[in-house]
Amino acid sequence: MSTLKILIFPDPRLRTVATAVGIVDGKITTLVDNMLETMYEGKGIGLAATQVNVHKRIIVIDVSEEKNKPLVLINPSLEEIIEPKKMPYSEGCLSVPGFYEELERPSKVKIKATGLDNKNFSLEAEGILSVVIQHEMDHLDGKIFVDYLTNLKREIIRKKLSKQKKLGATS
């Protein structure tokens, strides 16, 4: 396994809409392993393939305290918003390092996805898992959590990250 380079906002490749995965094969399994390693090394709880410049509909998540319960979602789709009541959560992102903003998302959703075994499954997610799934699915559609912020906040973050990149502080 190896870690992958994470794209940093405002990299335009983060706006690429991911395409569906056909068959889960060895290449996909290796990519998932590398994404998990990258996510864990970055101390993240979710990572979309778009963030590592692979524009396939793949997400890895691990919200467990021990970081030993990885969840792999291939071709995820939102089936139902079970609880539309919004849950506030301070979101961060490996592609927007060092910035956290409180957003609100539905607190319970049902998704459909494919696993590494090529089998389809449904999952009801609530709380933090619901938030992370929605955050990562946004990435697959070319959307970043800063898109939910005001233009001013988004521009401040963009300028700070661009400055850090020039100074060599981010990859």
N, C-alpha and C. Protein backbone atom coordinates (compact mmCIF):
# COMPACT_ATOMS: atom_id res chain seq x y z
N MET A 1 0.84 -1.18 0.00
CA MET A 1 0.00 0.00 0.00
C MET A 1 0.88 1.25 0.00
N SER A 2 0.30 2.31 -0.51
CA SER A 2 1.03 3.57 -0.49
C SER A 2 0.04 4.72 -0.36
N THR A 3 0.57 5.83 0.14
CA THR A 3 -0.30 6.99 0.27
C THR A 3 -0.36 7.73 -1.07
N LEU A 4 -1.47 8.41 -1.25
CA LEU A 4 -1.71 9.13 -2.50
C LEU A 4 -1.68 10.63 -2.21
N LYS A 5 -1.41 11.41 -3.24
CA LYS A 5 -1.39 12.86 -3.09
C LYS A 5 -2.82 13.38 -3.09
N ILE A 6 -3.15 14.16 -2.07
CA ILE A 6 -4.49 14.74 -1.94
C ILE A 6 -4.51 16.10 -2.63
N LEU A 7 -5.49 16.31 -3.49
CA LEU A 7 -5.67 17.60 -4.14
C LEU A 7 -6.15 18.62 -3.11
N ILE A 8 -5.61 19.83 -3.20
CA ILE A 8 -5.95 20.88 -2.24
C ILE A 8 -6.75 21.98 -2.93
N PHE A 9 -7.86 22.38 -2.30
CA PHE A 9 -8.67 23.49 -2.77
C PHE A 9 -7.78 24.72 -2.96
N PRO A 10 -7.87 25.44 -4.04
CA PRO A 10 -8.90 25.48 -5.08
C PRO A 10 -8.57 24.69 -6.35
N ASP A 11 -7.82 23.61 -6.24
CA ASP A 11 -7.45 22.82 -7.43
C ASP A 11 -8.71 22.51 -8.25
N PRO A 12 -8.71 22.89 -9.53
CA PRO A 12 -9.92 22.70 -10.35
C PRO A 12 -10.29 21.22 -10.56
N ARG A 13 -9.36 20.30 -10.36
CA ARG A 13 -9.67 18.88 -10.53
C ARG A 13 -10.66 18.39 -9.47
N LEU A 14 -10.76 19.13 -8.36
CA LEU A 14 -11.74 18.77 -7.33
C LEU A 14 -13.17 18.99 -7.82
N ARG A 15 -13.33 19.71 -8.93
CA ARG A 15 -14.65 20.00 -9.48
C ARG A 15 -15.10 18.96 -10.52
N THR A 16 -14.26 17.98 -10.78
CA THR A 16 -14.58 16.94 -11.75
C THR A 16 -15.64 16.00 -11.19
N VAL A 17 -16.67 15.75 -11.97
CA VAL A 17 -17.72 14.81 -11.56
C VAL A 17 -17.22 13.39 -11.84
N ALA A 18 -17.28 12.55 -10.82
CA ALA A 18 -16.77 11.18 -10.93
C ALA A 18 -17.71 10.30 -11.75
N THR A 19 -17.12 9.32 -12.41
CA THR A 19 -17.90 8.37 -13.21
C THR A 19 -18.05 7.06 -12.43
N ALA A 20 -19.06 6.31 -12.80
CA ALA A 20 -19.36 5.05 -12.11
C ALA A 20 -18.26 4.01 -12.34
N VAL A 21 -18.08 3.17 -11.35
CA VAL A 21 -17.17 2.04 -11.43
C VAL A 21 -17.96 0.90 -12.06
N GLY A 22 -17.33 0.19 -13.01
CA GLY A 22 -17.98 -0.98 -13.62
C GLY A 22 -17.86 -2.16 -12.68
N ILE A 23 -16.83 -2.94 -12.87
CA ILE A 23 -16.57 -4.13 -12.04
C ILE A 23 -15.48 -3.79 -11.02
N VAL A 24 -15.66 -4.25 -9.80
CA VAL A 24 -14.64 -4.08 -8.78
C VAL A 24 -13.58 -5.15 -9.01
N ASP A 25 -12.42 -4.70 -9.44
CA ASP A 25 -11.33 -5.63 -9.75
C ASP A 25 -10.12 -5.30 -8.87
N GLY A 26 -8.99 -5.90 -9.20
CA GLY A 26 -7.77 -5.69 -8.43
C GLY A 26 -7.31 -4.24 -8.41
N LYS A 27 -7.49 -3.52 -9.51
CA LYS A 27 -7.11 -2.11 -9.55
C LYS A 27 -7.93 -1.29 -8.56
N ILE A 28 -9.22 -1.58 -8.51
CA ILE A 28 -10.10 -0.86 -7.59
C ILE A 28 -9.75 -1.22 -6.14
N THR A 29 -9.50 -2.49 -5.87
CA THR A 29 -9.14 -2.93 -4.53
C THR A 29 -7.84 -2.26 -4.07
N THR A 30 -6.86 -2.18 -4.95
CA THR A 30 -5.60 -1.51 -4.62
C THR A 30 -5.83 -0.03 -4.37
N LEU A 31 -6.65 0.61 -5.21
CA LEU A 31 -6.97 2.02 -5.02
C LEU A 31 -7.63 2.22 -3.65
N VAL A 32 -8.59 1.38 -3.30
CA VAL A 32 -9.27 1.49 -2.01
C VAL A 32 -8.27 1.34 -0.87
N ASP A 33 -7.37 0.35 -0.94
CA ASP A 33 -6.35 0.17 0.10
C ASP A 33 -5.50 1.43 0.25
N ASN A 34 -5.09 2.00 -0.89
CA ASN A 34 -4.26 3.20 -0.86
C ASN A 34 -5.04 4.41 -0.34
N MET A 35 -6.33 4.48 -0.68
CA MET A 35 -7.16 5.57 -0.17
C MET A 35 -7.32 5.46 1.35
N LEU A 36 -7.52 4.25 1.85
CA LEU A 36 -7.64 4.06 3.30
C LEU A 36 -6.34 4.47 3.99
N GLU A 37 -5.22 4.05 3.45
CA GLU A 37 -3.93 4.42 4.05
C GLU A 37 -3.75 5.94 4.04
N THR A 38 -4.13 6.57 2.93
CA THR A 38 -4.02 8.03 2.82
C THR A 38 -4.92 8.72 3.83
N MET A 39 -6.16 8.24 3.95
CA MET A 39 -7.11 8.82 4.90
C MET A 39 -6.59 8.69 6.33
N TYR A 40 -6.14 7.49 6.70
CA TYR A 40 -5.64 7.29 8.07
C TYR A 40 -4.41 8.15 8.34
N GLU A 41 -3.50 8.20 7.39
CA GLU A 41 -2.29 9.01 7.58
C GLU A 41 -2.64 10.49 7.73
N GLY A 42 -3.65 10.94 6.99
CA GLY A 42 -4.07 12.33 7.07
C GLY A 42 -4.97 12.63 8.26
N LYS A 43 -5.23 11.61 9.07
CA LYS A 43 -6.10 11.72 10.24
C LYS A 43 -7.51 12.18 9.85
N GLY A 44 -7.96 11.70 8.70
CA GLY A 44 -9.31 12.00 8.24
C GLY A 44 -10.26 10.88 8.61
N ILE A 45 -11.56 11.15 8.38
CA ILE A 45 -12.57 10.13 8.65
C ILE A 45 -13.32 9.76 7.37
N GLY A 46 -12.96 10.39 6.26
CA GLY A 46 -13.56 10.07 4.98
C GLY A 46 -12.68 10.60 3.86
N LEU A 47 -12.75 9.92 2.71
CA LEU A 47 -11.97 10.34 1.55
C LEU A 47 -12.68 9.84 0.30
N ALA A 48 -12.86 10.73 -0.65
CA ALA A 48 -13.44 10.37 -1.94
C ALA A 48 -12.32 10.26 -2.97
N ALA A 49 -12.49 9.36 -3.93
CA ALA A 49 -11.46 9.15 -4.96
C ALA A 49 -11.14 10.45 -5.69
N THR A 50 -12.12 11.32 -5.86
CA THR A 50 -11.89 12.61 -6.52
C THR A 50 -10.77 13.38 -5.83
N GLN A 51 -10.68 13.27 -4.52
CA GLN A 51 -9.68 14.02 -3.77
C GLN A 51 -8.25 13.55 -4.05
N VAL A 52 -8.10 12.35 -4.60
CA VAL A 52 -6.77 11.85 -4.95
C VAL A 52 -6.63 11.76 -6.47
N ASN A 53 -7.43 12.58 -7.15
CA ASN A 53 -7.36 12.74 -8.61
C ASN A 53 -7.70 11.46 -9.38
N VAL A 54 -8.59 10.66 -8.80
CA VAL A 54 -9.14 9.50 -9.49
C VAL A 54 -10.64 9.75 -9.54
N HIS A 55 -11.16 9.97 -10.71
CA HIS A 55 -12.54 10.43 -10.83
C HIS A 55 -13.52 9.29 -11.06
N LYS A 56 -13.51 8.40 -10.07
CA LYS A 56 -14.41 7.25 -10.00
C LYS A 56 -15.25 7.40 -8.74
N ARG A 57 -16.44 6.84 -8.75
CA ARG A 57 -17.37 6.99 -7.62
C ARG A 57 -17.02 5.99 -6.51
N ILE A 58 -16.00 6.36 -5.74
CA ILE A 58 -15.50 5.53 -4.64
C ILE A 58 -15.27 6.42 -3.42
N ILE A 59 -15.75 5.92 -2.28
CA ILE A 59 -15.57 6.62 -1.01
C ILE A 59 -15.07 5.62 0.03
N VAL A 60 -14.16 6.07 0.88
CA VAL A 60 -13.76 5.29 2.05
C VAL A 60 -14.05 6.14 3.29
N ILE A 61 -14.50 5.47 4.34
CA ILE A 61 -14.89 6.16 5.58
C ILE A 61 -14.50 5.28 6.76
N ASP A 62 -14.11 5.92 7.85
CA ASP A 62 -13.95 5.20 9.12
C ASP A 62 -14.19 6.21 10.24
N VAL A 63 -15.35 6.13 10.86
CA VAL A 63 -15.69 7.05 11.95
C VAL A 63 -15.47 6.41 13.33
N SER A 64 -14.90 5.21 13.35
CA SER A 64 -14.66 4.53 14.63
C SER A 64 -13.52 5.20 15.38
N GLU A 65 -13.60 5.16 16.71
CA GLU A 65 -12.55 5.72 17.55
C GLU A 65 -11.22 5.01 17.31
N GLU A 66 -11.29 3.68 17.14
CA GLU A 66 -10.07 2.87 17.00
C GLU A 66 -9.50 2.89 15.58
N LYS A 67 -10.25 3.47 14.65
CA LYS A 67 -9.85 3.50 13.23
C LYS A 67 -9.62 2.10 12.71
N ASN A 68 -10.58 1.22 12.99
CA ASN A 68 -10.46 -0.17 12.55
C ASN A 68 -11.75 -0.70 11.94
N LYS A 69 -12.65 0.22 11.53
CA LYS A 69 -13.91 -0.20 10.93
C LYS A 69 -14.13 0.54 9.61
N PRO A 70 -13.28 0.27 8.62
CA PRO A 70 -13.42 0.98 7.35
C PRO A 70 -14.71 0.59 6.62
N LEU A 71 -15.30 1.58 5.99
CA LEU A 71 -16.49 1.40 5.18
C LEU A 71 -16.13 1.84 3.77
N VAL A 72 -16.41 0.98 2.80
CA VAL A 72 -16.11 1.27 1.40
C VAL A 72 -17.44 1.37 0.65
N LEU A 73 -17.63 2.48 -0.02
CA LEU A 73 -18.84 2.71 -0.80
C LEU A 73 -18.46 2.95 -2.25
N ILE A 74 -18.87 2.04 -3.11
CA ILE A 74 -18.61 2.17 -4.55
C ILE A 74 -19.94 2.48 -5.23
N ASN A 75 -19.92 3.50 -6.07
CA ASN A 75 -21.13 3.97 -6.75
C ASN A 75 -22.26 4.27 -5.77
N PRO A 76 -21.97 5.02 -4.69
CA PRO A 76 -23.03 5.31 -3.72
C PRO A 76 -24.09 6.24 -4.30
N SER A 77 -25.32 6.04 -3.88
CA SER A 77 -26.40 6.94 -4.26
C SER A 77 -27.32 7.14 -3.07
N LEU A 78 -27.83 8.34 -2.95
CA LEU A 78 -28.76 8.66 -1.88
C LEU A 78 -30.13 8.13 -2.25
N GLU A 79 -30.66 7.24 -1.43
CA GLU A 79 -31.97 6.65 -1.70
C GLU A 79 -33.09 7.41 -1.02
N GLU A 80 -32.80 7.88 0.21
CA GLU A 80 -33.86 8.52 0.97
C GLU A 80 -33.26 9.35 2.09
N ILE A 81 -33.86 10.49 2.33
CA ILE A 81 -33.54 11.26 3.53
C ILE A 81 -34.57 10.82 4.57
N ILE A 82 -34.13 10.00 5.51
CA ILE A 82 -35.03 9.41 6.50
C ILE A 82 -35.43 10.44 7.55
N GLU A 83 -34.45 11.22 8.00
CA GLU A 83 -34.71 12.25 8.99
C GLU A 83 -34.22 13.57 8.42
N PRO A 84 -35.15 14.38 7.90
CA PRO A 84 -34.74 15.64 7.28
C PRO A 84 -34.26 16.70 8.27
N LYS A 85 -34.51 16.46 9.58
CA LYS A 85 -34.02 17.41 10.58
C LYS A 85 -32.51 17.52 10.40
N LYS A 86 -32.05 18.76 10.31
CA LYS A 86 -30.62 18.99 10.04
C LYS A 86 -29.79 18.83 11.31
N MET A 87 -28.61 18.25 11.11
CA MET A 87 -27.67 18.05 12.21
C MET A 87 -26.49 19.00 12.00
N PRO A 88 -26.22 19.89 12.95
CA PRO A 88 -25.05 20.76 12.80
C PRO A 88 -23.78 19.97 13.12
N TYR A 89 -22.74 20.21 12.32
CA TYR A 89 -21.47 19.52 12.54
C TYR A 89 -20.35 20.40 12.00
N SER A 90 -19.27 20.48 12.74
CA SER A 90 -18.10 21.25 12.31
C SER A 90 -17.32 20.39 11.32
N GLU A 91 -17.49 20.72 10.03
CA GLU A 91 -16.87 19.92 8.98
C GLU A 91 -15.49 20.44 8.62
N GLY A 92 -14.61 19.50 8.39
CA GLY A 92 -13.29 19.79 7.86
C GLY A 92 -13.11 18.91 6.64
N CYS A 93 -11.96 19.03 5.99
CA CYS A 93 -11.75 18.26 4.76
C CYS A 93 -10.25 18.13 4.51
N LEU A 94 -9.83 16.95 4.11
CA LEU A 94 -8.42 16.74 3.79
C LEU A 94 -7.99 17.59 2.60
N SER A 95 -8.94 18.03 1.78
CA SER A 95 -8.62 18.90 0.63
C SER A 95 -8.70 20.38 0.99
N VAL A 96 -9.11 20.66 2.22
CA VAL A 96 -9.16 22.04 2.71
C VAL A 96 -8.51 22.03 4.10
N PRO A 97 -7.20 21.72 4.15
CA PRO A 97 -6.54 21.47 5.43
C PRO A 97 -6.53 22.69 6.36
N GLY A 98 -6.85 22.41 7.63
CA GLY A 98 -6.76 23.45 8.64
C GLY A 98 -8.01 24.30 8.81
N PHE A 99 -9.04 24.05 8.03
CA PHE A 99 -10.25 24.86 8.11
C PHE A 99 -11.44 23.99 8.50
N TYR A 100 -12.25 24.51 9.42
CA TYR A 100 -13.45 23.82 9.88
C TYR A 100 -14.58 24.85 9.93
N GLU A 101 -15.72 24.45 9.43
CA GLU A 101 -16.89 25.32 9.45
C GLU A 101 -18.11 24.49 9.81
N GLU A 102 -19.00 25.09 10.59
CA GLU A 102 -20.22 24.38 10.97
C GLU A 102 -21.22 24.42 9.82
N LEU A 103 -21.64 23.24 9.41
CA LEU A 103 -22.66 23.08 8.38
C LEU A 103 -23.78 22.24 8.96
N GLU A 104 -24.92 22.25 8.29
CA GLU A 104 -26.03 21.41 8.70
C GLU A 104 -26.44 20.51 7.55
N ARG A 105 -26.58 19.24 7.86
CA ARG A 105 -27.00 18.24 6.87
C ARG A 105 -28.07 17.35 7.49
N PRO A 106 -28.87 16.67 6.65
CA PRO A 106 -29.87 15.74 7.21
C PRO A 106 -29.20 14.73 8.15
N SER A 107 -29.86 14.45 9.27
CA SER A 107 -29.25 13.62 10.31
C SER A 107 -29.36 12.12 10.07
N LYS A 108 -30.24 11.70 9.14
CA LYS A 108 -30.35 10.27 8.88
C LYS A 108 -30.73 10.06 7.41
N VAL A 109 -29.91 9.27 6.72
CA VAL A 109 -30.13 9.01 5.30
C VAL A 109 -30.02 7.52 5.01
N LYS A 110 -30.58 7.13 3.89
CA LYS A 110 -30.44 5.75 3.40
C LYS A 110 -29.72 5.85 2.07
N ILE A 111 -28.67 5.05 1.94
CA ILE A 111 -27.91 5.03 0.69
C ILE A 111 -27.86 3.62 0.14
N LYS A 112 -27.55 3.55 -1.13
CA LYS A 112 -27.32 2.27 -1.80
C LYS A 112 -25.91 2.37 -2.38
N ALA A 113 -25.17 1.27 -2.33
CA ALA A 113 -23.81 1.26 -2.85
C ALA A 113 -23.41 -0.17 -3.19
N THR A 114 -22.24 -0.30 -3.76
CA THR A 114 -21.63 -1.60 -4.04
C THR A 114 -20.42 -1.74 -3.13
N GLY A 115 -20.17 -2.95 -2.65
CA GLY A 115 -19.01 -3.21 -1.80
C GLY A 115 -17.86 -3.79 -2.62
N LEU A 116 -16.76 -4.04 -1.95
CA LEU A 116 -15.59 -4.62 -2.61
C LEU A 116 -15.87 -6.02 -3.14
N ASP A 117 -16.94 -6.64 -2.66
CA ASP A 117 -17.31 -7.97 -3.12
C ASP A 117 -18.21 -7.93 -4.37
N ASN A 118 -18.37 -6.73 -4.95
CA ASN A 118 -19.22 -6.52 -6.14
C ASN A 118 -20.70 -6.70 -5.85
N LYS A 119 -21.09 -6.75 -4.58
CA LYS A 119 -22.50 -6.91 -4.22
C LYS A 119 -23.09 -5.57 -3.80
N ASN A 120 -24.33 -5.32 -4.23
CA ASN A 120 -25.03 -4.11 -3.85
C ASN A 120 -25.59 -4.26 -2.45
N PHE A 121 -25.65 -3.15 -1.73
CA PHE A 121 -26.22 -3.15 -0.38
C PHE A 121 -26.84 -1.80 -0.09
N SER A 122 -27.72 -1.79 0.91
CA SER A 122 -28.32 -0.55 1.40
C SER A 122 -27.81 -0.31 2.80
N LEU A 123 -27.77 0.96 3.17
CA LEU A 123 -27.26 1.32 4.49
C LEU A 123 -28.03 2.53 4.99
N GLU A 124 -28.53 2.43 6.22
CA GLU A 124 -29.12 3.59 6.88
C GLU A 124 -28.04 4.17 7.77
N ALA A 125 -27.73 5.43 7.55
CA ALA A 125 -26.67 6.10 8.31
C ALA A 125 -27.26 7.28 9.06
N GLU A 126 -26.83 7.42 10.31
CA GLU A 126 -27.30 8.57 11.08
C GLU A 126 -26.14 9.20 11.82
N GLY A 127 -26.36 10.41 12.30
CA GLY A 127 -25.34 11.11 13.06
C GLY A 127 -24.13 11.43 12.19
N ILE A 128 -22.96 11.25 12.78
CA ILE A 128 -21.71 11.60 12.09
C ILE A 128 -21.53 10.82 10.80
N LEU A 129 -21.93 9.54 10.78
CA LEU A 129 -21.78 8.75 9.57
C LEU A 129 -22.63 9.35 8.44
N SER A 130 -23.82 9.81 8.75
CA SER A 130 -24.67 10.45 7.75
C SER A 130 -24.00 11.69 7.18
N VAL A 131 -23.42 12.50 8.07
CA VAL A 131 -22.74 13.73 7.65
C VAL A 131 -21.56 13.40 6.74
N VAL A 132 -20.73 12.45 7.15
CA VAL A 132 -19.53 12.11 6.38
C VAL A 132 -19.90 11.55 5.01
N ILE A 133 -20.90 10.68 4.96
CA ILE A 133 -21.32 10.13 3.67
C ILE A 133 -21.77 11.25 2.74
N GLN A 134 -22.58 12.18 3.24
CA GLN A 134 -23.05 13.28 2.40
C GLN A 134 -21.90 14.17 1.94
N HIS A 135 -20.96 14.43 2.85
CA HIS A 135 -19.78 15.25 2.53
C HIS A 135 -18.98 14.60 1.40
N GLU A 136 -18.71 13.30 1.53
CA GLU A 136 -17.89 12.61 0.53
C GLU A 136 -18.66 12.44 -0.79
N MET A 137 -19.96 12.21 -0.73
CA MET A 137 -20.74 12.11 -1.96
C MET A 137 -20.72 13.45 -2.72
N ASP A 138 -20.69 14.55 -1.97
CA ASP A 138 -20.55 15.86 -2.62
C ASP A 138 -19.28 15.89 -3.47
N HIS A 139 -18.18 15.37 -2.92
CA HIS A 139 -16.91 15.35 -3.67
C HIS A 139 -17.07 14.63 -5.01
N LEU A 140 -17.81 13.54 -5.01
CA LEU A 140 -18.00 12.77 -6.24
C LEU A 140 -18.76 13.57 -7.30
N ASP A 141 -19.51 14.58 -6.84
CA ASP A 141 -20.26 15.44 -7.76
C ASP A 141 -19.56 16.77 -8.00
N GLY A 142 -18.28 16.86 -7.59
CA GLY A 142 -17.50 18.07 -7.85
C GLY A 142 -17.81 19.21 -6.89
N LYS A 143 -18.37 18.88 -5.74
CA LYS A 143 -18.73 19.90 -4.77
C LYS A 143 -17.86 19.76 -3.52
N ILE A 144 -17.49 20.89 -2.94
CA ILE A 144 -16.63 20.92 -1.76
C ILE A 144 -17.39 21.62 -0.64
N PHE A 145 -17.12 21.29 0.61
CA PHE A 145 -17.89 21.86 1.70
C PHE A 145 -17.82 23.38 1.74
N VAL A 146 -16.76 23.97 1.22
CA VAL A 146 -16.68 25.44 1.20
C VAL A 146 -17.74 26.05 0.29
N ASP A 147 -18.32 25.26 -0.60
CA ASP A 147 -19.38 25.76 -1.47
C ASP A 147 -20.62 26.15 -0.68
N TYR A 148 -20.76 25.64 0.53
CA TYR A 148 -21.90 25.96 1.38
C TYR A 148 -21.67 27.25 2.18
N LEU A 149 -20.47 27.78 2.12
CA LEU A 149 -20.12 28.99 2.88
C LEU A 149 -20.43 30.24 2.07
N THR A 150 -20.33 31.37 2.72
CA THR A 150 -20.51 32.63 2.01
C THR A 150 -19.35 32.81 1.04
N ASN A 151 -19.56 33.63 0.02
CA ASN A 151 -18.49 33.91 -0.94
C ASN A 151 -17.27 34.48 -0.24
N LEU A 152 -17.48 35.34 0.74
CA LEU A 152 -16.37 35.95 1.46
C LEU A 152 -15.54 34.91 2.20
N LYS A 153 -16.20 34.03 2.96
CA LYS A 153 -15.47 32.99 3.70
C LYS A 153 -14.71 32.07 2.75
N ARG A 154 -15.38 31.67 1.66
CA ARG A 154 -14.75 30.78 0.69
C ARG A 154 -13.51 31.45 0.08
N GLU A 155 -13.61 32.72 -0.23
CA GLU A 155 -12.48 33.44 -0.84
C GLU A 155 -11.32 33.59 0.14
N ILE A 156 -11.63 33.82 1.40
CA ILE A 156 -10.57 33.92 2.42
C ILE A 156 -9.83 32.59 2.52
N ILE A 157 -10.56 31.49 2.56
CA ILE A 157 -9.94 30.16 2.63
C ILE A 157 -9.10 29.90 1.38
N ARG A 158 -9.65 30.22 0.20
CA ARG A 158 -8.93 30.01 -1.05
C ARG A 158 -7.60 30.78 -1.04
N LYS A 159 -7.64 32.04 -0.62
CA LYS A 159 -6.43 32.86 -0.60
C LYS A 159 -5.40 32.31 0.37
N LYS A 160 -5.84 31.90 1.55
CA LYS A 160 -4.91 31.36 2.55
C LYS A 160 -4.25 30.07 2.05
N LEU A 161 -5.05 29.19 1.46
CA LEU A 161 -4.48 27.93 0.96
C LEU A 161 -3.57 28.17 -0.23
N SER A 162 -3.92 29.11 -1.10
CA SER A 162 -3.05 29.44 -2.24
C SER A 162 -1.72 30.01 -1.75
N LYS A 163 -1.78 30.85 -0.73
CA LYS A 163 -0.56 31.42 -0.16
C LYS A 163 0.31 30.33 0.46
N GLN A 164 -0.34 29.41 1.21
CA GLN A 164 0.41 28.31 1.82
C GLN A 164 1.08 27.45 0.76
N LYS A 165 0.37 27.22 -0.36
CA LYS A 165 0.94 26.41 -1.44
C LYS A 165 2.19 27.09 -2.01
N LYS A 166 2.12 28.41 -2.21
CA LYS A 166 3.27 29.15 -2.73
C LYS A 166 4.44 29.07 -1.78
N LEU A 167 4.14 29.05 -0.47
CA LEU A 167 5.20 28.96 0.52
C LEU A 167 5.65 27.52 0.76
N GLY A 168 4.99 26.56 0.11
CA GLY A 168 5.37 25.15 0.22
C GLY A 168 4.86 24.47 1.46
N ALA A 169 3.81 25.07 2.10
CA ALA A 169 3.28 24.50 3.34
C ALA A 169 2.28 23.39 3.09
N THR A 170 1.69 23.31 1.89
CA THR A 170 0.75 22.23 1.57
C THR A 170 1.22 21.53 0.32
N SER A 171 0.75 20.31 0.15
CA SER A 171 1.17 19.55 -1.05
C SER A 171 0.37 19.93 -2.25
